[in-house]
N, C-alpha and C. Protein backbone atom coordinates (compact mmCIF):
# COMPACT_ATOMS: atom_id res chain seq x y z
N UNK A 1 -3.23 11.46 -30.11
CA UNK A 1 -3.12 11.45 -31.70
C UNK A 1 -2.72 12.97 -32.25
N UNK A 2 -3.66 13.65 -31.83
CA UNK A 2 -3.78 15.09 -32.52
C UNK A 2 -2.22 15.93 -32.40
N UNK A 3 -1.74 15.48 -31.23
CA UNK A 3 -0.67 16.34 -30.77
C UNK A 3 0.63 15.36 -31.14
N UNK A 4 0.50 14.38 -32.04
CA UNK A 4 1.84 13.38 -32.10
C UNK A 4 2.54 13.99 -33.05
N UNK A 5 2.21 14.47 -34.17
CA UNK A 5 2.91 15.00 -35.67
C UNK A 5 4.01 16.08 -34.82
N UNK A 6 5.13 15.73 -35.06
CA UNK A 6 6.34 16.78 -34.69
C UNK A 6 6.23 18.26 -35.54
N UNK A 7 6.07 19.00 -34.53
CA UNK A 7 6.14 20.59 -34.78
C UNK A 7 4.66 20.95 -35.71
N UNK A 8 3.56 20.32 -35.39
CA UNK A 8 2.27 20.71 -35.81
C UNK A 8 1.38 20.99 -34.92
N UNK A 9 0.36 21.82 -35.17
CA UNK A 9 -0.47 22.38 -34.02
C UNK A 9 -2.11 21.41 -34.61
N UNK A 10 -2.73 20.83 -33.88
CA UNK A 10 -3.76 20.03 -34.24
C UNK A 10 -4.89 19.76 -33.39
N UNK A 11 -5.92 19.91 -33.68
CA UNK A 11 -7.28 19.73 -33.05
C UNK A 11 -8.17 18.65 -33.74
N UNK A 12 -8.59 17.94 -33.15
CA UNK A 12 -9.54 16.82 -33.75
C UNK A 12 -11.11 16.90 -33.04
N UNK A 13 -12.11 16.70 -34.00
CA UNK A 13 -13.30 16.89 -33.42
C UNK A 13 -14.04 15.45 -34.04
N UNK A 14 -14.17 14.49 -33.47
CA UNK A 14 -14.80 13.08 -34.01
C UNK A 14 -16.42 13.36 -34.34
N UNK A 15 -16.73 13.13 -35.32
CA UNK A 15 -18.11 13.62 -35.79
C UNK A 15 -19.10 12.43 -36.12
N UNK A 16 -18.53 11.18 -35.38
CA UNK A 16 -19.47 10.14 -35.54
C UNK A 16 -19.38 9.48 -34.11
N UNK A 17 -20.34 8.74 -33.51
CA UNK A 17 -20.11 8.12 -32.13
C UNK A 17 -19.30 6.84 -32.55
N UNK A 18 -18.91 6.55 -31.30
CA UNK A 18 -18.27 5.04 -31.71
C UNK A 18 -16.75 5.21 -30.89
N UNK A 19 -16.20 4.04 -30.49
CA UNK A 19 -14.67 4.12 -30.07
C UNK A 19 -13.42 4.42 -31.25
N UNK A 20 -13.10 5.44 -30.94
CA UNK A 20 -11.87 5.84 -32.18
C UNK A 20 -10.67 5.43 -31.80
N UNK A 21 -10.30 4.61 -32.91
CA UNK A 21 -8.70 4.10 -32.90
C UNK A 21 -7.89 4.90 -34.07
N UNK A 22 -6.63 5.17 -33.67
CA UNK A 22 -5.78 5.87 -34.54
C UNK A 22 -4.06 5.59 -34.34
N UNK A 23 -3.51 5.70 -35.54
CA UNK A 23 -2.05 5.40 -35.31
C UNK A 23 -1.36 6.66 -36.05
N UNK A 24 -0.12 6.58 -35.80
CA UNK A 24 0.79 7.70 -36.34
C UNK A 24 2.25 6.81 -36.63
N UNK A 25 2.74 6.85 -37.68
CA UNK A 25 4.02 6.65 -37.95
C UNK A 25 4.81 7.74 -38.56
N UNK A 26 5.94 7.93 -38.19
CA UNK A 26 6.51 9.05 -38.28
C UNK A 26 8.14 9.12 -38.51
N UNK A 27 8.73 9.79 -39.59
CA UNK A 27 9.98 9.74 -39.55
C UNK A 27 10.43 10.97 -40.14
N UNK A 28 11.65 11.77 -39.49
CA UNK A 28 12.23 12.91 -39.85
C UNK A 28 13.60 12.55 -40.61
N UNK A 29 13.71 13.22 -42.02
CA UNK A 29 15.11 12.81 -42.64
C UNK A 29 15.72 14.09 -43.27
N UNK A 30 16.36 14.69 -42.57
CA UNK A 30 16.86 16.23 -42.50
C UNK A 30 15.95 17.14 -42.65
N UNK A 31 15.79 17.76 -43.74
CA UNK A 31 14.45 18.85 -43.47
C UNK A 31 13.25 18.45 -44.07
N UNK A 32 13.30 17.11 -44.51
CA UNK A 32 12.02 16.52 -44.77
C UNK A 32 11.22 15.59 -43.69
N UNK A 33 10.01 15.71 -43.88
CA UNK A 33 9.08 14.77 -42.78
C UNK A 33 8.21 13.95 -43.62
N UNK A 34 8.06 12.66 -43.22
CA UNK A 34 7.17 11.74 -43.75
C UNK A 34 6.16 11.17 -42.57
N UNK A 35 5.00 10.81 -42.88
CA UNK A 35 4.42 10.42 -41.67
C UNK A 35 2.89 9.84 -42.41
N UNK A 36 2.46 8.90 -41.80
CA UNK A 36 1.53 8.05 -42.04
C UNK A 36 0.13 7.94 -41.01
N UNK A 37 -0.94 8.78 -41.32
CA UNK A 37 -1.77 8.59 -40.12
C UNK A 37 -2.99 8.17 -40.53
N UNK A 38 -3.53 6.88 -39.48
CA UNK A 38 -4.47 6.47 -39.98
C UNK A 38 -5.77 6.35 -38.90
N UNK A 39 -7.12 6.76 -38.83
CA UNK A 39 -8.16 7.06 -38.44
C UNK A 39 -8.99 6.49 -38.56
N UNK A 40 -9.85 5.73 -37.63
CA UNK A 40 -11.13 4.96 -37.66
C UNK A 40 -12.49 5.31 -37.77
N UNK A 41 -12.55 7.08 -37.32
CA UNK A 41 -13.91 7.57 -37.56
C UNK A 41 -13.62 9.12 -38.30
N UNK A 42 -14.74 9.70 -38.72
CA UNK A 42 -14.88 10.93 -39.39
C UNK A 42 -14.59 11.83 -38.63
N UNK A 43 -13.71 12.79 -39.03
CA UNK A 43 -12.94 13.77 -38.17
C UNK A 43 -12.89 15.28 -38.72
N UNK A 44 -13.17 16.24 -37.83
CA UNK A 44 -12.72 17.67 -38.42
C UNK A 44 -11.33 17.89 -37.65
N UNK A 45 -10.60 18.21 -38.43
CA UNK A 45 -9.26 18.68 -38.23
C UNK A 45 -8.83 19.98 -38.20
N UNK A 46 -8.26 20.83 -37.37
CA UNK A 46 -8.03 22.08 -37.35
C UNK A 46 -6.41 22.02 -37.35
N UNK A 47 -5.78 22.26 -38.22
CA UNK A 47 -4.22 22.02 -38.37
C UNK A 47 -2.97 23.32 -38.34
N UNK A 48 -2.04 23.40 -38.25
CA UNK A 48 -1.17 24.41 -38.59
C UNK A 48 0.19 23.54 -38.97
N UNK A 49 0.76 23.66 -40.05
CA UNK A 49 2.20 23.26 -40.41
C UNK A 49 3.09 23.92 -39.81
N UNK A 50 4.10 23.45 -39.37
CA UNK A 50 5.26 24.61 -39.08
C UNK A 50 5.69 25.35 -40.18
N UNK A 51 5.87 26.98 -39.37
CA UNK A 51 6.33 27.85 -40.37
C UNK A 51 7.34 27.78 -41.09
N UNK A 52 7.47 28.07 -42.49
CA UNK A 52 8.53 27.78 -43.63
C UNK A 52 8.37 26.59 -44.05
N UNK A 53 7.56 25.75 -43.92
CA UNK A 53 7.52 24.28 -44.44
C UNK A 53 6.44 24.23 -45.33
N UNK A 54 6.18 23.25 -46.10
CA UNK A 54 5.10 23.14 -46.88
C UNK A 54 4.71 21.59 -46.95
N UNK A 55 3.51 21.46 -46.36
CA UNK A 55 2.79 20.13 -46.48
C UNK A 55 1.91 19.85 -47.67
N UNK A 56 2.47 18.43 -48.08
CA UNK A 56 1.42 17.61 -49.22
C UNK A 56 1.10 16.66 -48.58
N UNK A 57 -0.49 16.43 -48.83
CA UNK A 57 -1.35 15.09 -48.13
C UNK A 57 -2.04 14.47 -49.47
N UNK A 58 -1.67 13.32 -49.06
CA UNK A 58 -2.03 12.09 -50.26
C UNK A 58 -2.94 11.04 -49.31
N UNK A 59 -4.20 11.36 -49.32
CA UNK A 59 -5.17 10.62 -48.55
C UNK A 59 -5.40 9.26 -49.49
N UNK A 60 -5.95 8.41 -48.98
CA UNK A 60 -6.39 7.09 -49.40
C UNK A 60 -7.50 6.59 -48.34
N UNK A 61 -8.72 6.77 -49.20
CA UNK A 61 -10.16 6.22 -48.63
C UNK A 61 -11.02 5.58 -49.42
N UNK A 62 -11.26 4.28 -49.01
CA UNK A 62 -12.23 3.72 -49.90
C UNK A 62 -13.83 4.18 -49.73
N UNK A 63 -14.03 5.13 -48.91
CA UNK A 63 -15.15 5.55 -48.84
C UNK A 63 -15.83 6.92 -49.39
N UNK A 64 -15.28 8.00 -48.41
CA UNK A 64 -15.49 9.32 -49.17
C UNK A 64 -14.31 9.98 -49.01
N UNK A 65 -14.33 11.48 -49.87
CA UNK A 65 -13.07 12.12 -50.12
C UNK A 65 -12.77 12.99 -48.84
N UNK A 66 -11.39 13.45 -48.79
CA UNK A 66 -10.97 14.33 -47.50
C UNK A 66 -11.24 15.97 -48.35
N UNK A 67 -11.48 16.83 -47.52
CA UNK A 67 -11.68 18.26 -47.89
C UNK A 67 -11.20 18.91 -47.21
N UNK A 68 -9.89 19.79 -48.07
CA UNK A 68 -9.50 20.90 -47.05
C UNK A 68 -9.66 22.09 -47.73
N UNK A 69 -10.67 23.12 -46.66
CA UNK A 69 -10.97 24.16 -46.64
C UNK A 69 -12.00 23.87 -47.39
N UNK A 70 -12.85 22.92 -47.55
CA UNK A 70 -13.94 22.63 -48.26
C UNK A 70 -13.74 22.17 -49.87
N UNK A 71 -12.56 22.40 -50.14
CA UNK A 71 -12.24 21.75 -51.39
C UNK A 71 -11.93 20.01 -51.47
N UNK A 72 -12.67 19.48 -52.28
CA UNK A 72 -12.48 17.98 -52.19
C UNK A 72 -11.19 17.24 -52.68
N UNK A 73 -10.66 16.63 -52.06
CA UNK A 73 -9.45 15.93 -52.71
C UNK A 73 -9.69 14.29 -52.86
N UNK A 74 -10.26 14.10 -53.70
CA UNK A 74 -10.52 12.75 -54.18
C UNK A 74 -9.33 12.22 -55.17
N UNK A 75 -9.81 10.89 -55.76
CA UNK A 75 -8.93 10.27 -56.75
C UNK A 75 -8.23 11.20 -57.42
N UNK A 76 -6.87 11.19 -57.70
CA UNK A 76 -6.40 11.77 -58.79
C UNK A 76 -6.00 13.30 -58.35
N UNK A 77 -5.95 13.57 -56.89
CA UNK A 77 -5.54 14.76 -56.18
C UNK A 77 -4.78 14.78 -55.31
N UNK A 78 -4.15 16.08 -54.77
CA UNK A 78 -3.28 15.86 -53.57
C UNK A 78 -3.39 17.09 -52.75
N UNK A 79 -3.47 17.45 -51.48
CA UNK A 79 -3.59 18.79 -50.87
C UNK A 79 -2.26 19.00 -50.62
N UNK A 80 -2.43 20.68 -50.68
CA UNK A 80 -1.09 21.59 -50.18
C UNK A 80 -1.50 22.89 -49.29
N UNK A 81 -0.53 22.68 -48.45
CA UNK A 81 -0.62 23.98 -47.51
C UNK A 81 0.55 24.56 -46.99
N UNK A 82 0.94 25.68 -47.15
CA UNK A 82 2.02 26.42 -46.58
C UNK A 82 2.08 26.43 -45.29
N UNK A 83 3.05 26.53 -44.64
CA UNK A 83 3.17 26.33 -43.03
C UNK A 83 2.71 27.90 -42.30
N UNK A 84 2.16 27.72 -41.00
CA UNK A 84 2.25 29.15 -40.51
C UNK A 84 0.87 29.54 -40.26
N UNK A 85 -0.22 29.08 -41.09
CA UNK A 85 -1.59 29.24 -41.38
C UNK A 85 -2.28 28.21 -41.16
N UNK A 86 -3.42 28.16 -40.28
CA UNK A 86 -3.98 27.09 -39.68
C UNK A 86 -5.28 26.89 -41.27
N UNK A 87 -5.47 25.42 -41.22
CA UNK A 87 -6.72 24.94 -42.12
C UNK A 87 -7.39 24.01 -41.71
N UNK A 88 -8.32 23.85 -42.26
CA UNK A 88 -9.43 22.60 -41.91
C UNK A 88 -9.47 21.52 -42.81
N UNK A 89 -9.15 20.39 -41.86
CA UNK A 89 -9.44 19.21 -42.83
C UNK A 89 -10.77 18.30 -42.34
N UNK A 90 -11.75 17.95 -43.32
CA UNK A 90 -12.71 16.82 -43.11
C UNK A 90 -12.19 15.73 -43.62
N UNK A 91 -12.20 14.70 -42.66
CA UNK A 91 -11.66 13.46 -43.26
C UNK A 91 -12.86 12.12 -42.68
N UNK A 92 -12.89 11.27 -43.58
CA UNK A 92 -14.00 9.96 -43.61
C UNK A 92 -13.53 9.20 -42.56
N UNK A 93 -14.46 8.24 -42.79
CA UNK A 93 -14.00 6.85 -41.72
C UNK A 93 -12.71 6.05 -42.59
N UNK A 94 -12.21 5.28 -41.64
CA UNK A 94 -11.35 4.34 -42.34
C UNK A 94 -10.47 5.06 -43.20
N UNK A 95 -9.74 6.20 -42.71
CA UNK A 95 -8.64 6.98 -43.53
C UNK A 95 -7.10 6.45 -43.24
N UNK A 96 -6.31 6.65 -44.66
CA UNK A 96 -4.95 6.37 -44.47
C UNK A 96 -4.49 7.58 -45.13
N UNK A 97 -3.69 8.38 -44.02
CA UNK A 97 -3.47 9.93 -44.83
C UNK A 97 -1.69 9.74 -45.00
N UNK A 98 -1.17 9.99 -45.92
CA UNK A 98 0.27 10.19 -46.03
C UNK A 98 0.59 11.58 -46.23
N UNK A 99 1.57 12.10 -45.39
CA UNK A 99 1.83 13.33 -45.43
C UNK A 99 3.31 13.50 -45.77
N UNK A 100 3.66 14.78 -46.51
CA UNK A 100 5.09 14.88 -46.63
C UNK A 100 5.19 16.27 -46.50
N UNK A 101 6.25 16.55 -45.29
CA UNK A 101 6.60 17.96 -45.16
C UNK A 101 7.75 18.34 -45.20
N UNK A 102 7.88 19.55 -46.17
CA UNK A 102 9.45 19.51 -46.61
C UNK A 102 9.64 21.29 -46.28
N UNK A 103 10.75 21.63 -45.63
CA UNK A 103 11.18 23.18 -45.91
C UNK A 103 10.97 23.60 -46.97
N UNK A 104 10.38 24.60 -46.96
CA UNK A 104 9.86 25.51 -48.27
C UNK A 104 11.29 26.13 -49.08
N UNK A 105 12.60 26.46 -48.56
CA UNK A 105 13.76 26.99 -49.30
C UNK A 105 14.21 25.88 -49.76
N UNK A 106 14.27 24.37 -49.19
CA UNK A 106 14.87 23.38 -49.75
C UNK A 106 13.72 22.85 -50.81
N UNK A 107 12.80 22.97 -50.98
CA UNK A 107 11.92 22.53 -51.97
C UNK A 107 12.00 23.55 -53.17
N UNK A 108 12.34 24.90 -52.84
CA UNK A 108 12.45 25.59 -53.88
C UNK A 108 13.78 25.57 -54.57
N UNK A 109 14.99 25.15 -53.86
CA UNK A 109 16.07 24.82 -54.40
C UNK A 109 16.29 23.47 -55.22
N UNK A 110 15.63 22.45 -54.85
CA UNK A 110 15.38 21.38 -55.56
C UNK A 110 14.49 21.81 -56.92
N UNK A 111 13.66 22.66 -57.04
CA UNK A 111 12.75 23.04 -57.97
C UNK A 111 13.79 23.91 -59.04
N UNK A 112 14.58 24.70 -58.70
CA UNK A 112 15.47 25.55 -59.39
C UNK A 112 16.54 24.52 -60.11
N UNK A 113 16.61 23.32 -59.72
CA UNK A 113 17.40 22.44 -60.42
C UNK A 113 16.78 22.03 -61.58
N UNK A 114 15.61 21.95 -61.68
CA UNK A 114 14.85 21.66 -63.00
C UNK A 114 14.29 22.71 -63.46
N UNK A 115 14.50 24.26 -63.28
CA UNK A 115 14.02 25.11 -63.75
C UNK A 115 12.50 25.38 -63.84
N UNK A 116 12.01 24.87 -62.72
CA UNK A 116 10.29 25.06 -62.07
C UNK A 116 9.80 25.93 -61.14
N UNK A 117 10.87 26.50 -60.73
CA UNK A 117 10.65 27.12 -59.40
C UNK A 117 9.49 28.21 -59.40
N UNK A 118 9.16 29.01 -60.60
CA UNK A 118 8.41 29.81 -60.83
C UNK A 118 7.00 29.04 -60.77
N UNK A 119 7.00 28.43 -61.50
CA UNK A 119 5.87 27.19 -61.67
C UNK A 119 5.47 26.79 -60.29
N UNK A 120 6.40 26.18 -59.47
CA UNK A 120 6.18 25.62 -58.34
C UNK A 120 5.50 26.84 -57.29
N UNK A 121 6.00 28.09 -57.27
CA UNK A 121 5.93 29.12 -56.32
C UNK A 121 4.07 29.27 -56.66
N UNK A 122 3.62 29.26 -57.92
CA UNK A 122 2.21 29.18 -58.30
C UNK A 122 1.44 28.17 -57.72
N UNK A 123 1.80 26.89 -57.96
CA UNK A 123 1.21 25.79 -57.64
C UNK A 123 1.20 25.62 -55.89
N UNK A 124 2.26 26.21 -55.11
CA UNK A 124 2.05 26.22 -53.57
C UNK A 124 0.76 27.06 -53.14
N UNK A 125 0.35 28.20 -53.99
CA UNK A 125 -0.75 28.91 -53.49
C UNK A 125 -2.02 28.36 -53.67
N UNK A 126 -2.19 26.87 -54.30
CA UNK A 126 -3.69 26.36 -54.13
C UNK A 126 -3.64 25.06 -53.49
N UNK A 127 -4.79 24.99 -52.92
CA UNK A 127 -4.90 23.91 -51.78
C UNK A 127 -5.02 22.64 -52.36
N UNK A 128 -5.33 22.62 -53.80
CA UNK A 128 -5.65 21.06 -54.26
C UNK A 128 -4.62 21.14 -55.63
N UNK A 129 -4.28 20.03 -55.87
CA UNK A 129 -3.72 20.29 -57.29
C UNK A 129 -4.04 18.55 -57.86
N UNK A 130 -4.49 18.75 -58.84
CA UNK A 130 -4.91 17.23 -59.97
C UNK A 130 -3.64 16.81 -60.56
N UNK A 131 -3.52 15.32 -60.10
CA UNK A 131 -2.32 14.64 -60.62
C UNK A 131 -2.67 13.43 -61.12
N UNK A 132 -1.75 12.55 -61.71
CA UNK A 132 -1.83 11.49 -62.29
C UNK A 132 -2.16 10.57 -61.07
N UNK A 133 -3.09 9.73 -61.15
CA UNK A 133 -3.40 8.56 -59.64
C UNK A 133 -2.52 7.80 -59.88
N UNK A 134 -1.85 7.15 -60.82
CA UNK A 134 -1.25 6.02 -61.05
C UNK A 134 0.18 6.48 -60.33
N UNK A 135 0.53 7.92 -60.84
CA UNK A 135 1.79 8.38 -60.35
C UNK A 135 1.59 8.40 -58.63
N UNK A 136 0.76 8.96 -58.15
CA UNK A 136 0.28 9.14 -56.82
C UNK A 136 0.39 7.83 -55.95
N UNK A 137 -0.36 6.75 -56.42
CA UNK A 137 -0.18 5.89 -55.88
C UNK A 137 1.18 5.06 -55.68
N UNK A 138 2.40 5.30 -56.88
CA UNK A 138 3.35 4.76 -56.78
C UNK A 138 4.26 5.55 -55.62
N UNK A 139 4.09 7.15 -55.85
CA UNK A 139 4.62 8.00 -54.83
C UNK A 139 4.27 7.53 -53.24
N UNK A 140 2.81 7.19 -53.08
CA UNK A 140 2.67 6.64 -51.81
C UNK A 140 3.26 5.49 -51.16
N UNK A 141 3.50 4.49 -52.15
CA UNK A 141 4.35 3.29 -52.17
C UNK A 141 5.67 3.40 -51.93
N UNK A 142 6.45 4.56 -52.48
CA UNK A 142 7.67 4.69 -52.61
C UNK A 142 7.93 5.19 -51.02
N UNK A 143 7.04 6.40 -50.58
CA UNK A 143 7.18 6.98 -49.62
C UNK A 143 6.81 6.07 -48.11
N UNK A 144 5.90 4.99 -48.28
CA UNK A 144 5.86 4.13 -47.51
C UNK A 144 6.94 3.27 -47.05
N UNK A 145 7.72 2.77 -48.16
CA UNK A 145 8.76 2.04 -48.19
C UNK A 145 9.87 2.76 -47.73
N UNK A 146 10.20 3.94 -47.70
CA UNK A 146 10.94 5.09 -46.88
C UNK A 146 11.00 4.86 -45.35
N UNK A 147 9.47 5.14 -45.34
CA UNK A 147 8.91 5.53 -43.86
C UNK A 147 9.19 4.32 -43.10
N UNK A 148 9.06 2.96 -43.46
CA UNK A 148 9.30 1.51 -42.72
C UNK A 148 10.77 0.97 -42.84
N UNK A 149 11.60 2.03 -43.56
CA UNK A 149 12.79 1.76 -43.43
C UNK A 149 13.79 1.46 -42.30
N UNK A 150 14.12 0.38 -42.12
CA UNK A 150 14.63 -0.21 -40.63
C UNK A 150 15.67 1.14 -40.01
N UNK A 151 15.11 1.33 -38.53
CA UNK A 151 15.83 2.35 -37.94
C UNK A 151 17.21 2.10 -37.92
N UNK A 152 18.16 3.00 -38.22
CA UNK A 152 19.67 3.03 -38.20
C UNK A 152 20.23 3.85 -37.43
N UNK A 153 21.49 4.05 -37.29
CA UNK A 153 22.01 5.39 -36.67
C UNK A 153 22.04 6.55 -37.48
N UNK A 154 21.93 7.46 -37.00
CA UNK A 154 21.42 8.85 -37.88
C UNK A 154 22.96 9.45 -38.57
N UNK A 155 23.16 8.42 -39.68
CA UNK A 155 24.41 8.98 -40.45
C UNK A 155 23.87 9.90 -41.23
N UNK A 156 24.60 10.66 -41.67
CA UNK A 156 24.47 11.70 -42.54
C UNK A 156 23.99 11.27 -44.19
N UNK A 157 24.95 10.36 -44.68
CA UNK A 157 24.61 9.76 -45.95
C UNK A 157 23.60 9.29 -46.11
N UNK A 158 22.85 8.58 -45.23
CA UNK A 158 21.42 7.95 -45.28
C UNK A 158 20.23 8.68 -45.30
N UNK A 159 20.65 9.55 -44.26
CA UNK A 159 19.74 10.77 -44.20
C UNK A 159 19.40 11.50 -45.47
N UNK A 160 20.63 11.76 -46.13
CA UNK A 160 20.48 12.44 -47.37
C UNK A 160 19.97 11.55 -48.64
N UNK A 161 20.23 10.58 -48.51
CA UNK A 161 19.69 9.83 -49.72
C UNK A 161 18.27 9.62 -49.20
N UNK A 162 17.55 9.31 -48.14
CA UNK A 162 16.23 9.21 -48.05
C UNK A 162 15.61 10.50 -48.57
N UNK A 163 16.15 11.80 -47.88
CA UNK A 163 15.81 12.93 -48.69
C UNK A 163 15.65 13.19 -49.83
N UNK A 164 16.69 12.79 -50.63
CA UNK A 164 16.72 12.67 -52.08
C UNK A 164 15.45 11.91 -52.77
N UNK A 165 15.25 10.77 -52.00
CA UNK A 165 14.25 10.08 -52.43
C UNK A 165 12.98 10.31 -52.40
N UNK A 166 12.53 10.73 -50.98
CA UNK A 166 11.47 11.72 -50.91
C UNK A 166 11.13 12.85 -51.88
N UNK A 167 12.07 13.68 -52.06
CA UNK A 167 11.76 14.86 -53.06
C UNK A 167 11.69 14.06 -54.41
N UNK A 168 12.52 13.49 -54.92
CA UNK A 168 12.23 12.79 -56.29
C UNK A 168 10.98 12.23 -56.34
N UNK A 169 10.17 11.37 -55.15
CA UNK A 169 9.06 10.82 -55.63
C UNK A 169 7.88 11.88 -55.75
N UNK A 170 8.15 13.11 -54.44
CA UNK A 170 7.24 14.27 -54.80
C UNK A 170 7.11 15.00 -56.12
N UNK A 171 8.33 15.31 -56.83
CA UNK A 171 8.38 16.15 -57.83
C UNK A 171 8.02 15.29 -58.99
N UNK A 172 8.22 13.73 -58.94
CA UNK A 172 7.53 13.17 -60.21
C UNK A 172 6.01 13.29 -60.44
N UNK A 173 5.32 13.84 -59.30
CA UNK A 173 4.00 14.10 -59.32
C UNK A 173 3.57 15.58 -59.91
N UNK A 174 4.63 16.12 -59.92
CA UNK A 174 4.36 17.49 -60.53
C UNK A 174 4.44 17.68 -62.10
N UNK A 175 4.92 16.59 -62.70
CA UNK A 175 4.99 16.58 -64.20
C UNK A 175 3.53 16.84 -64.84
N UNK A 176 2.87 16.28 -64.38
CA UNK A 176 1.26 16.23 -64.89
C UNK A 176 0.40 17.29 -63.72
N UNK A 177 0.98 17.65 -63.09
CA UNK A 177 -0.04 18.42 -62.08
C UNK A 177 -0.53 19.82 -62.62
N UNK A 178 -1.64 20.13 -62.32
CA UNK A 178 -2.37 21.39 -62.45
C UNK A 178 -3.42 21.82 -61.52
N UNK A 179 -3.32 23.13 -61.06
CA UNK A 179 -4.41 23.66 -59.87
C UNK A 179 -5.77 22.85 -60.33
N UNK A 180 -6.63 22.65 -59.26
CA UNK A 180 -7.75 22.60 -59.34
C UNK A 180 -8.76 23.81 -59.53
N UNK A 181 -9.70 23.84 -60.44
CA UNK A 181 -10.52 25.17 -60.29
C UNK A 181 -11.43 24.89 -59.33
N UNK A 182 -11.65 25.83 -58.43
CA UNK A 182 -12.43 25.95 -57.42
C UNK A 182 -13.23 27.35 -57.10
N UNK A 183 -14.46 27.28 -56.84
CA UNK A 183 -15.12 28.30 -56.22
C UNK A 183 -14.57 29.09 -54.95
N UNK A 184 -13.84 30.08 -55.13
CA UNK A 184 -12.94 30.38 -53.89
C UNK A 184 -13.90 31.04 -52.77
N UNK A 185 -14.93 31.96 -53.46
CA UNK A 185 -15.98 32.45 -52.42
C UNK A 185 -16.54 31.82 -51.64
N UNK A 186 -17.26 30.70 -52.46
CA UNK A 186 -17.72 29.43 -51.73
C UNK A 186 -17.21 28.98 -50.30
N UNK A 187 -15.99 28.61 -50.77
CA UNK A 187 -15.01 27.94 -49.94
C UNK A 187 -14.60 29.00 -48.71
N UNK A 188 -14.33 29.95 -49.02
CA UNK A 188 -14.13 31.15 -47.79
C UNK A 188 -15.24 31.42 -47.01
N UNK A 189 -16.63 31.23 -47.66
CA UNK A 189 -17.77 31.39 -47.13
C UNK A 189 -18.20 30.58 -46.02
N UNK A 190 -17.73 28.98 -46.67
CA UNK A 190 -17.86 27.86 -45.94
C UNK A 190 -17.01 27.84 -44.37
N UNK A 191 -15.75 28.04 -44.91
CA UNK A 191 -14.73 28.39 -43.88
C UNK A 191 -15.15 29.30 -42.83
N UNK A 192 -15.31 30.46 -43.05
CA UNK A 192 -15.97 31.37 -42.17
C UNK A 192 -17.13 30.71 -41.11
N UNK A 193 -18.01 29.95 -42.03
CA UNK A 193 -19.33 29.72 -40.90
C UNK A 193 -18.66 28.43 -40.14
N UNK A 194 -17.89 27.56 -40.34
CA UNK A 194 -17.35 26.54 -39.64
C UNK A 194 -16.64 27.20 -38.87
N UNK A 195 -15.88 28.13 -38.85
CA UNK A 195 -15.44 29.22 -37.77
C UNK A 195 -16.40 29.72 -36.65
N UNK A 196 -17.17 30.47 -37.34
CA UNK A 196 -18.19 31.00 -36.31
C UNK A 196 -18.93 30.07 -35.57
N UNK A 197 -19.28 28.86 -36.01
CA UNK A 197 -19.92 27.82 -35.29
C UNK A 197 -19.07 27.17 -34.55
N UNK A 198 -17.49 27.29 -34.58
CA UNK A 198 -16.91 26.34 -33.70
C UNK A 198 -16.51 27.39 -32.29
N UNK A 199 -16.66 28.60 -32.70
CA UNK A 199 -16.55 29.94 -31.62
C UNK A 199 -17.90 29.75 -30.92
N UNK A 200 -19.07 29.60 -31.40
CA UNK A 200 -20.26 29.41 -30.56
C UNK A 200 -20.28 28.20 -29.70
N UNK A 201 -19.88 27.38 -30.10
CA UNK A 201 -19.91 26.04 -29.35
C UNK A 201 -18.73 26.10 -28.13
N UNK A 202 -17.93 26.78 -28.66
CA UNK A 202 -16.73 26.76 -27.46
C UNK A 202 -17.10 27.53 -26.27
N UNK A 203 -17.80 28.69 -26.63
CA UNK A 203 -18.08 29.68 -25.82
C UNK A 203 -19.18 29.52 -24.80
N UNK A 204 -19.70 28.13 -24.99
CA UNK A 204 -20.88 27.74 -24.64
C UNK A 204 -20.38 26.17 -23.89
N UNK A 205 -19.09 26.16 -23.60
CA UNK A 205 -18.59 24.58 -23.34
C UNK A 205 -19.35 24.04 -22.18
N UNK A 206 -19.99 24.82 -21.29
CA UNK A 206 -20.78 24.31 -20.16
C UNK A 206 -21.84 23.87 -20.30
N UNK A 207 -22.65 23.75 -21.36
CA UNK A 207 -23.61 23.19 -21.81
C UNK A 207 -23.81 22.79 -23.02
N UNK A 208 -24.74 21.65 -23.45
CA UNK A 208 -24.96 21.26 -24.57
C UNK A 208 -25.56 21.93 -25.86
N UNK A 209 -25.01 22.45 -26.90
CA UNK A 209 -25.57 23.12 -27.98
C UNK A 209 -26.27 22.45 -29.00
N UNK A 210 -27.44 22.59 -29.51
CA UNK A 210 -27.92 21.77 -30.05
C UNK A 210 -28.21 22.17 -31.73
N UNK A 211 -28.20 21.49 -32.60
CA UNK A 211 -28.18 21.85 -33.96
C UNK A 211 -28.99 23.04 -34.32
N UNK A 212 -30.19 22.78 -33.85
CA UNK A 212 -31.43 23.90 -34.15
C UNK A 212 -30.89 25.17 -33.49
N UNK A 213 -30.29 25.15 -32.25
CA UNK A 213 -29.82 26.36 -31.41
C UNK A 213 -28.81 26.94 -32.64
N UNK A 214 -27.85 26.09 -33.07
CA UNK A 214 -26.48 26.68 -33.77
C UNK A 214 -26.84 27.23 -35.14
N UNK A 215 -27.94 26.79 -35.67
CA UNK A 215 -28.29 26.99 -37.24
C UNK A 215 -29.50 28.55 -37.05
N UNK A 216 -30.02 28.52 -35.73
CA UNK A 216 -30.89 29.85 -35.42
C UNK A 216 -29.76 31.15 -35.12
N UNK A 217 -28.26 30.64 -34.50
CA UNK A 217 -27.68 31.48 -34.04
C UNK A 217 -26.79 32.17 -35.21
N UNK A 218 -26.62 31.21 -36.14
CA UNK A 218 -25.66 31.61 -37.37
C UNK A 218 -26.68 31.83 -38.56
N UNK A 219 -27.96 32.12 -38.33
CA UNK A 219 -28.81 32.42 -39.70
C UNK A 219 -28.68 31.19 -40.82
N UNK A 220 -28.63 29.94 -40.42
CA UNK A 220 -28.29 29.16 -41.31
C UNK A 220 -29.10 27.88 -41.10
N UNK A 221 -29.03 26.66 -42.15
CA UNK A 221 -30.04 25.67 -42.02
C UNK A 221 -28.89 24.43 -42.47
């Protein structure tokens, strides 16, 4: 499943014991990509979006929230990340995760139609945006309807119509969006700590590394 999303680089680490189940539904419509990822168990995911693209993540979980590079994405929030740079996702059990990926130049061209390209450029530098939860749910429903559209021959007008629908749904969220205040230094420190822990464990793949050993090696608790 981790290697199933077109153009992405992903690695999964399951954080709980038990039989993992997951599924992926994906649709490419021109320069846009929609996918619905469903996972049964909590995961740590290392992800890289294709270069020159932007990913918007709209998670839904009845338990705990998703975190992107340590920043929570609870109700009333969406995750954002530009392509070409890796990021960490911590995801809970029983997650449904809708992803919208758009080529950045297409996104900016659409934004210029509404004279909001400067504002959008600033927003794309933030990992999490606060949005209207009711609108977020509507966008999820609209995108799922597009995703489950009957497979038809790749006729250009159909693809253009679906692409416009996806962008229109996405931009409806931006009307009330604002960046989430975050402790950037704390987020960066946590991200570096996770990377160090990952490197330590991978360098000793021939044996089991205990939590106490890891804490001692990283000088943390």
